[in-house]
Amino acid sequence: MAKKRKMIPIDLDGMLTLPQAAKLMDLDETYVRRLVTSGKIAGVKFGRNYLVSRESAMHFQKTPGRGRPRVKR
């Protein structure tokens, strides 16, 4: 017998797809996926795709992280 999954309501208005989030953040799509799976930015797996919170993506972009500084191209 198959397990029943818990349904969680999601507000899709504030969500971006991985390509949209990567473009907004000026990062590679695979890196954004890694950020979501590690929990550094808010996101959810929707089917076989990930959706990223717009607020979380913009906050991550504004907040400088550790390591090498980003260079504008």
PDB file of N, CA and C in Angstrom:
ATOM      1  N   MET A   1       0.832  -1.167   0.000  1.00  0.00           N
ATOM      2  CA  MET A   1       0.000   0.000   0.000  1.00  0.00           C
ATOM      3  C   MET A   1       0.888   1.244   0.000  1.00  0.00           C
ATOM      4  N   ALA A   2       0.561   2.195  -0.816  1.00  0.00           N
ATOM      5  CA  ALA A   2       1.359   3.427  -0.952  1.00  0.00           C
ATOM      6  C   ALA A   2       1.130   4.351   0.235  1.00  0.00           C
ATOM      7  N   LYS A   3       2.207   5.049   0.604  1.00  0.00           N
ATOM      8  CA  LYS A   3       2.120   6.025   1.691  1.00  0.00           C
ATOM      9  C   LYS A   3       1.357   7.252   1.231  1.00  0.00           C
ATOM     10  N   LYS A   4       0.553   7.801   2.114  1.00  0.00           N
ATOM     11  CA  LYS A   4      -0.110   9.060   1.796  1.00  0.00           C
ATOM     12  C   LYS A   4       0.817  10.185   2.178  1.00  0.00           C
ATOM     13  N   ARG A   5       1.012  11.123   1.278  1.00  0.00           N
ATOM     14  CA  ARG A   5       1.868  12.267   1.550  1.00  0.00           C
ATOM     15  C   ARG A   5       1.050  13.416   2.093  1.00  0.00           C
ATOM     16  N   LYS A   6       1.662  14.154   2.990  1.00  0.00           N
ATOM     17  CA  LYS A   6       0.999  15.299   3.589  1.00  0.00           C
ATOM     18  C   LYS A   6       1.017  16.458   2.594  1.00  0.00           C
ATOM     19  N   MET A   7      -0.118  17.054   2.359  1.00  0.00           N
ATOM     20  CA  MET A   7      -0.219  18.178   1.442  1.00  0.00           C
ATOM     21  C   MET A   7       0.000  19.475   2.216  1.00  0.00           C
ATOM     22  N   ILE A   8       0.935  20.281   1.739  1.00  0.00           N
ATOM     23  CA  ILE A   8       1.247  21.553   2.368  1.00  0.00           C
ATOM     24  C   ILE A   8       0.892  22.670   1.395  1.00  0.00           C
ATOM     25  N   PRO A   9       0.061  23.628   1.801  1.00  0.00           N
ATOM     26  CA  PRO A   9      -0.283  24.727   0.887  1.00  0.00           C
ATOM     27  C   PRO A   9       0.933  25.618   0.623  1.00  0.00           C
ATOM     28  N   ILE A  10       1.120  26.005  -0.632  1.00  0.00           N
ATOM     29  CA  ILE A  10       2.260  26.825  -1.033  1.00  0.00           C
ATOM     30  C   ILE A  10       1.738  28.052  -1.773  1.00  0.00           C
ATOM     31  N   ASP A  11       2.264  29.221  -1.414  1.00  0.00           N
ATOM     32  CA  ASP A  11       1.926  30.464  -2.114  1.00  0.00           C
ATOM     33  C   ASP A  11       2.859  30.585  -3.319  1.00  0.00           C
ATOM     34  N   LEU A  12       2.351  30.323  -4.515  1.00  0.00           N
ATOM     35  CA  LEU A  12       3.191  30.328  -5.718  1.00  0.00           C
ATOM     36  C   LEU A  12       3.514  31.725  -6.216  1.00  0.00           C
ATOM     37  N   ASP A  13       2.838  32.752  -5.692  1.00  0.00           N
ATOM     38  CA  ASP A  13       3.098  34.118  -6.146  1.00  0.00           C
ATOM     39  C   ASP A  13       4.498  34.586  -5.768  1.00  0.00           C
ATOM     40  N   GLY A  14       4.986  34.161  -4.611  1.00  0.00           N
ATOM     41  CA  GLY A  14       6.296  34.597  -4.154  1.00  0.00           C
ATOM     42  C   GLY A  14       7.410  33.630  -4.496  1.00  0.00           C
ATOM     43  N   MET A  15       7.144  32.694  -5.425  1.00  0.00           N
ATOM     44  CA  MET A  15       8.126  31.659  -5.753  1.00  0.00           C
ATOM     45  C   MET A  15       8.694  31.849  -7.156  1.00  0.00           C
ATOM     46  N   LEU A  16       9.947  31.421  -7.320  1.00  0.00           N
ATOM     47  CA  LEU A  16      10.630  31.465  -8.614  1.00  0.00           C
ATOM     48  C   LEU A  16      11.108  30.068  -8.971  1.00  0.00           C
ATOM     49  N   THR A  17      11.203  29.783 -10.252  1.00  0.00           N
ATOM     50  CA  THR A  17      11.821  28.537 -10.669  1.00  0.00           C
ATOM     51  C   THR A  17      13.331  28.684 -10.503  1.00  0.00           C
ATOM     52  N   LEU A  18      14.061  27.571 -10.559  1.00  0.00           N
ATOM     53  CA  LEU A  18      15.519  27.644 -10.419  1.00  0.00           C
ATOM     54  C   LEU A  18      16.171  28.528 -11.476  1.00  0.00           C
ATOM     55  N   PRO A  19      15.802  28.414 -12.764  1.00  0.00           N
ATOM     56  CA  PRO A  19      16.418  29.314 -13.748  1.00  0.00           C
ATOM     57  C   PRO A  19      16.126  30.788 -13.477  1.00  0.00           C
ATOM     58  N   GLN A  20      14.909  31.100 -13.037  1.00  0.00           N
ATOM     59  CA  GLN A  20      14.568  32.490 -12.728  1.00  0.00           C
ATOM     60  C   GLN A  20      15.385  32.988 -11.534  1.00  0.00           C
ATOM     61  N   ALA A  21      15.499  32.163 -10.497  1.00  0.00           N
ATOM     62  CA  ALA A  21      16.259  32.543  -9.303  1.00  0.00           C
ATOM     63  C   ALA A  21      17.737  32.705  -9.637  1.00  0.00           C
ATOM     64  N   ALA A  22      18.274  31.808 -10.465  1.00  0.00           N
ATOM     65  CA  ALA A  22      19.689  31.885 -10.848  1.00  0.00           C
ATOM     66  C   ALA A  22      19.962  33.174 -11.612  1.00  0.00           C
ATOM     67  N   LYS A  23      19.049  33.554 -12.487  1.00  0.00           N
ATOM     68  CA  LYS A  23      19.219  34.789 -13.248  1.00  0.00           C
ATOM     69  C   LYS A  23      19.132  36.012 -12.330  1.00  0.00           C
ATOM     70  N   LEU A  24      18.164  36.000 -11.408  1.00  0.00           N
ATOM     71  CA  LEU A  24      18.004  37.103 -10.464  1.00  0.00           C
ATOM     72  C   LEU A  24      19.241  37.252  -9.569  1.00  0.00           C
ATOM     73  N   MET A  25      19.794  36.121  -9.134  1.00  0.00           N
ATOM     74  CA  MET A  25      20.926  36.133  -8.216  1.00  0.00           C
ATOM     75  C   MET A  25      22.269  36.215  -8.935  1.00  0.00           C
ATOM     76  N   ASP A  26      22.265  36.114 -10.250  1.00  0.00           N
ATOM     77  CA  ASP A  26      23.476  36.102 -11.067  1.00  0.00           C
ATOM     78  C   ASP A  26      24.406  34.966 -10.639  1.00  0.00           C
ATOM     79  N   LEU A  27      23.809  33.769 -10.491  1.00  0.00           N
ATOM     80  CA  LEU A  27      24.537  32.562 -10.109  1.00  0.00           C
ATOM     81  C   LEU A  27      24.176  31.437 -11.062  1.00  0.00           C
ATOM     82  N   ASP A  28      24.947  30.366 -10.997  1.00  0.00           N
ATOM     83  CA  ASP A  28      24.678  29.196 -11.819  1.00  0.00           C
ATOM     84  C   ASP A  28      23.490  28.422 -11.231  1.00  0.00           C
ATOM     85  N   GLU A  29      22.697  27.826 -12.101  1.00  0.00           N
ATOM     86  CA  GLU A  29      21.502  27.104 -11.666  1.00  0.00           C
ATOM     87  C   GLU A  29      21.840  25.934 -10.739  1.00  0.00           C
ATOM     88  N   THR A  30      22.927  25.222 -11.004  1.00  0.00           N
ATOM     89  CA  THR A  30      23.296  24.093 -10.146  1.00  0.00           C
ATOM     90  C   THR A  30      23.695  24.561  -8.745  1.00  0.00           C
ATOM     91  N   TYR A  31      24.314  25.734  -8.645  1.00  0.00           N
ATOM     92  CA  TYR A  31      24.681  26.271  -7.349  1.00  0.00           C
ATOM     93  C   TYR A  31      23.439  26.683  -6.561  1.00  0.00           C
ATOM     94  N   VAL A  32      22.468  27.261  -7.240  1.00  0.00           N
ATOM     95  CA  VAL A  32      21.219  27.645  -6.579  1.00  0.00           C
ATOM     96  C   VAL A  32      20.501  26.391  -6.084  1.00  0.00           C
ATOM     97  N   ARG A  33      20.506  25.322  -6.873  1.00  0.00           N
ATOM     98  CA  ARG A  33      19.897  24.055  -6.450  1.00  0.00           C
ATOM     99  C   ARG A  33      20.590  23.539  -5.185  1.00  0.00           C
ATOM    100  N   ARG A  34      21.905  23.647  -5.149  1.00  0.00           N
ATOM    101  CA  ARG A  34      22.662  23.204  -3.975  1.00  0.00           C
ATOM    102  C   ARG A  34      22.313  24.061  -2.751  1.00  0.00           C
ATOM    103  N   LEU A  35      22.108  25.361  -2.948  1.00  0.00           N
ATOM    104  CA  LEU A  35      21.727  26.236  -1.847  1.00  0.00           C
ATOM    105  C   LEU A  35      20.355  25.844  -1.277  1.00  0.00           C
ATOM    106  N   VAL A  36      19.443  25.462  -2.162  1.00  0.00           N
ATOM    107  CA  VAL A  36      18.105  25.058  -1.721  1.00  0.00           C
ATOM    108  C   VAL A  36      18.176  23.735  -0.965  1.00  0.00           C
ATOM    109  N   THR A  37      18.886  22.762  -1.518  1.00  0.00           N
ATOM    110  CA  THR A  37      18.938  21.444  -0.870  1.00  0.00           C
ATOM    111  C   THR A  37      19.699  21.489   0.452  1.00  0.00           C
ATOM    112  N   SER A  38      20.631  22.420   0.596  1.00  0.00           N
ATOM    113  CA  SER A  38      21.368  22.536   1.862  1.00  0.00           C
ATOM    114  C   SER A  38      20.618  23.393   2.875  1.00  0.00           C
ATOM    115  N   GLY A  39      19.560  24.091   2.440  1.00  0.00           N
ATOM    116  CA  GLY A  39      18.755  24.886   3.349  1.00  0.00           C
ATOM    117  C   GLY A  39      19.249  26.315   3.537  1.00  0.00           C
ATOM    118  N   LYS A  40      20.209  26.751   2.720  1.00  0.00           N
ATOM    119  CA  LYS A  40      20.720  28.117   2.854  1.00  0.00           C
ATOM    120  C   LYS A  40      19.757  29.156   2.296  1.00  0.00           C
ATOM    121  N   ILE A  41      18.935  28.759   1.341  1.00  0.00           N
ATOM    122  CA  ILE A  41      17.847  29.616   0.884  1.00  0.00           C
ATOM    123  C   ILE A  41      16.560  28.788   0.906  1.00  0.00           C
ATOM    124  N   ALA A  42      15.444  29.463   1.100  1.00  0.00           N
ATOM    125  CA  ALA A  42      14.159  28.774   1.217  1.00  0.00           C
ATOM    126  C   ALA A  42      13.674  28.322  -0.152  1.00  0.00           C
ATOM    127  N   GLY A  43      13.292  27.074  -0.227  1.00  0.00           N
ATOM    128  CA  GLY A  43      12.769  26.524  -1.466  1.00  0.00           C
ATOM    129  C   GLY A  43      12.070  25.215  -1.187  1.00  0.00           C
ATOM    130  N   VAL A  44      11.380  24.714  -2.183  1.00  0.00           N
ATOM    131  CA  VAL A  44      10.634  23.479  -2.038  1.00  0.00           C
ATOM    132  C   VAL A  44      10.698  22.711  -3.353  1.00  0.00           C
ATOM    133  N   LYS A  45      10.724  21.383  -3.248  1.00  0.00           N
ATOM    134  CA  LYS A  45      10.692  20.561  -4.454  1.00  0.00           C
ATOM    135  C   LYS A  45       9.232  20.417  -4.866  1.00  0.00           C
ATOM    136  N   PHE A  46       8.943  20.761  -6.088  1.00  0.00           N
ATOM    137  CA  PHE A  46       7.588  20.737  -6.613  1.00  0.00           C
ATOM    138  C   PHE A  46       7.607  19.807  -7.823  1.00  0.00           C
ATOM    139  N   GLY A  47       7.183  18.573  -7.621  1.00  0.00           N
ATOM    140  CA  GLY A  47       7.320  17.579  -8.684  1.00  0.00           C
ATOM    141  C   GLY A  47       8.789  17.218  -8.817  1.00  0.00           C
ATOM    142  N   ARG A  48       9.357  17.408  -9.993  1.00  0.00           N
ATOM    143  CA  ARG A  48      10.786  17.165 -10.155  1.00  0.00           C
ATOM    144  C   ARG A  48      11.588  18.459 -10.250  1.00  0.00           C
ATOM    145  N   ASN A  49      10.928  19.573 -10.023  1.00  0.00           N
ATOM    146  CA  ASN A  49      11.577  20.883 -10.067  1.00  0.00           C
ATOM    147  C   ASN A  49      11.595  21.508  -8.685  1.00  0.00           C
ATOM    148  N   TYR A  50      12.464  22.499  -8.522  1.00  0.00           N
ATOM    149  CA  TYR A  50      12.520  23.242  -7.268  1.00  0.00           C
ATOM    150  C   TYR A  50      11.952  24.634  -7.483  1.00  0.00           C
ATOM    151  N   LEU A  51      11.264  25.127  -6.463  1.00  0.00           N
ATOM    152  CA  LEU A  51      10.781  26.501  -6.449  1.00  0.00           C
ATOM    153  C   LEU A  51      11.493  27.212  -5.307  1.00  0.00           C
ATOM    154  N   VAL A  52      11.932  28.428  -5.572  1.00  0.00           N
ATOM    155  CA  VAL A  52      12.715  29.198  -4.619  1.00  0.00           C
ATOM    156  C   VAL A  52      11.915  30.419  -4.197  1.00  0.00           C
ATOM    157  N   SER A  53      11.959  30.732  -2.920  1.00  0.00           N
ATOM    158  CA  SER A  53      11.296  31.916  -2.404  1.00  0.00           C
ATOM    159  C   SER A  53      12.000  33.165  -2.933  1.00  0.00           C
ATOM    160  N   ARG A  54      11.228  34.094  -3.512  1.00  0.00           N
ATOM    161  CA  ARG A  54      11.804  35.331  -4.051  1.00  0.00           C
ATOM    162  C   ARG A  54      12.495  36.133  -2.946  1.00  0.00           C
ATOM    163  N   GLU A  55      11.864  36.218  -1.776  1.00  0.00           N
ATOM    164  CA  GLU A  55      12.442  36.969  -0.655  1.00  0.00           C
ATOM    165  C   GLU A  55      13.776  36.371  -0.231  1.00  0.00           C
ATOM    166  N   SER A  56      13.823  35.061  -0.138  1.00  0.00           N
ATOM    167  CA  SER A  56      15.047  34.387   0.284  1.00  0.00           C
ATOM    168  C   SER A  56      16.166  34.584  -0.738  1.00  0.00           C
ATOM    169  N   ALA A  57      15.824  34.529  -2.023  1.00  0.00           N
ATOM    170  CA  ALA A  57      16.828  34.729  -3.074  1.00  0.00           C
ATOM    171  C   ALA A  57      17.380  36.151  -3.033  1.00  0.00           C
ATOM    172  N   MET A  58      16.508  37.137  -2.846  1.00  0.00           N
ATOM    173  CA  MET A  58      16.959  38.526  -2.800  1.00  0.00           C
ATOM    174  C   MET A  58      17.781  38.789  -1.529  1.00  0.00           C
ATOM    175  N   HIS A  59      17.392  38.178  -0.410  1.00  0.00           N
ATOM    176  CA  HIS A  59      18.152  38.336   0.832  1.00  0.00           C
ATOM    177  C   HIS A  59      19.549  37.721   0.692  1.00  0.00           C
ATOM    178  N   PHE A  60      19.633  36.541   0.066  1.00  0.00           N
ATOM    179  CA  PHE A  60      20.921  35.885  -0.127  1.00  0.00           C
ATOM    180  C   PHE A  60      21.818  36.729  -1.030  1.00  0.00           C
ATOM    181  N   GLN A  61      21.225  37.355  -2.031  1.00  0.00           N
ATOM    182  CA  GLN A  61      21.990  38.180  -2.972  1.00  0.00           C
ATOM    183  C   GLN A  61      22.556  39.413  -2.265  1.00  0.00           C
ATOM    184  N   LYS A  62      21.785  40.016  -1.372  1.00  0.00           N
ATOM    185  CA  LYS A  62      22.216  41.236  -0.688  1.00  0.00           C
ATOM    186  C   LYS A  62      23.199  40.960   0.442  1.00  0.00           C
ATOM    187  N   THR A  63      23.088  39.803   1.079  1.00  0.00           N
ATOM    188  CA  THR A  63      23.922  39.468   2.220  1.00  0.00           C
ATOM    189  C   THR A  63      25.247  38.888   1.740  1.00  0.00           C
ATOM    190  N   PRO A  64      26.345  39.560   2.026  1.00  0.00           N
ATOM    191  CA  PRO A  64      27.636  39.008   1.591  1.00  0.00           C
ATOM    192  C   PRO A  64      27.983  37.762   2.395  1.00  0.00           C
ATOM    193  N   GLY A  65      28.492  36.775   1.700  1.00  0.00           N
ATOM    194  CA  GLY A  65      28.883  35.535   2.359  1.00  0.00           C
ATOM    195  C   GLY A  65      30.372  35.488   2.598  1.00  0.00           C
ATOM    196  N   ARG A  66      30.826  34.365   3.050  1.00  0.00           N
ATOM    197  CA  ARG A  66      32.241  34.185   3.278  1.00  0.00           C
ATOM    198  C   ARG A  66      32.919  33.865   1.947  1.00  0.00           C
ATOM    199  N   GLY A  67      34.221  34.031   1.915  1.00  0.00           N
ATOM    200  CA  GLY A  67      34.967  33.662   0.724  1.00  0.00           C
ATOM    201  C   GLY A  67      35.290  34.832  -0.160  1.00  0.00           C
ATOM    202  N   ARG A  68      35.594  34.533  -1.381  1.00  0.00           N
ATOM    203  CA  ARG A  68      36.000  35.508  -2.362  1.00  0.00           C
ATOM    204  C   ARG A  68      34.878  36.477  -2.705  1.00  0.00           C
ATOM    205  N   PRO A  69      35.168  37.787  -2.747  1.00  0.00           N
ATOM    206  CA  PRO A  69      34.110  38.741  -3.088  1.00  0.00           C
ATOM    207  C   PRO A  69      33.635  38.581  -4.522  1.00  0.00           C
ATOM    208  N   ARG A  70      32.377  38.874  -4.742  1.00  0.00           N
ATOM    209  CA  ARG A  70      31.820  38.775  -6.100  1.00  0.00           C
ATOM    210  C   ARG A  70      32.281  39.957  -6.939  1.00  0.00           C
ATOM    211  N   VAL A  71      32.528  39.694  -8.198  1.00  0.00           N
ATOM    212  CA  VAL A  71      32.980  40.726  -9.118  1.00  0.00           C
ATOM    213  C   VAL A  71      31.898  40.941 -10.164  1.00  0.00           C
ATOM    214  N   LYS A  72      31.522  42.180 -10.385  1.00  0.00           N
ATOM    215  CA  LYS A  72      30.532  42.489 -11.427  1.00  0.00           C
ATOM    216  C   LYS A  72      31.174  42.297 -12.788  1.00  0.00           C
ATOM    217  N   ARG A  73      30.466  41.636 -13.675  1.00  0.00           N
ATOM    218  CA  ARG A  73      30.979  41.403 -15.027  1.00  0.00           C
ATOM    219  C   ARG A  73      30.415  42.407 -15.980  1.00  0.00           C
TER     220      ARG A  73
END
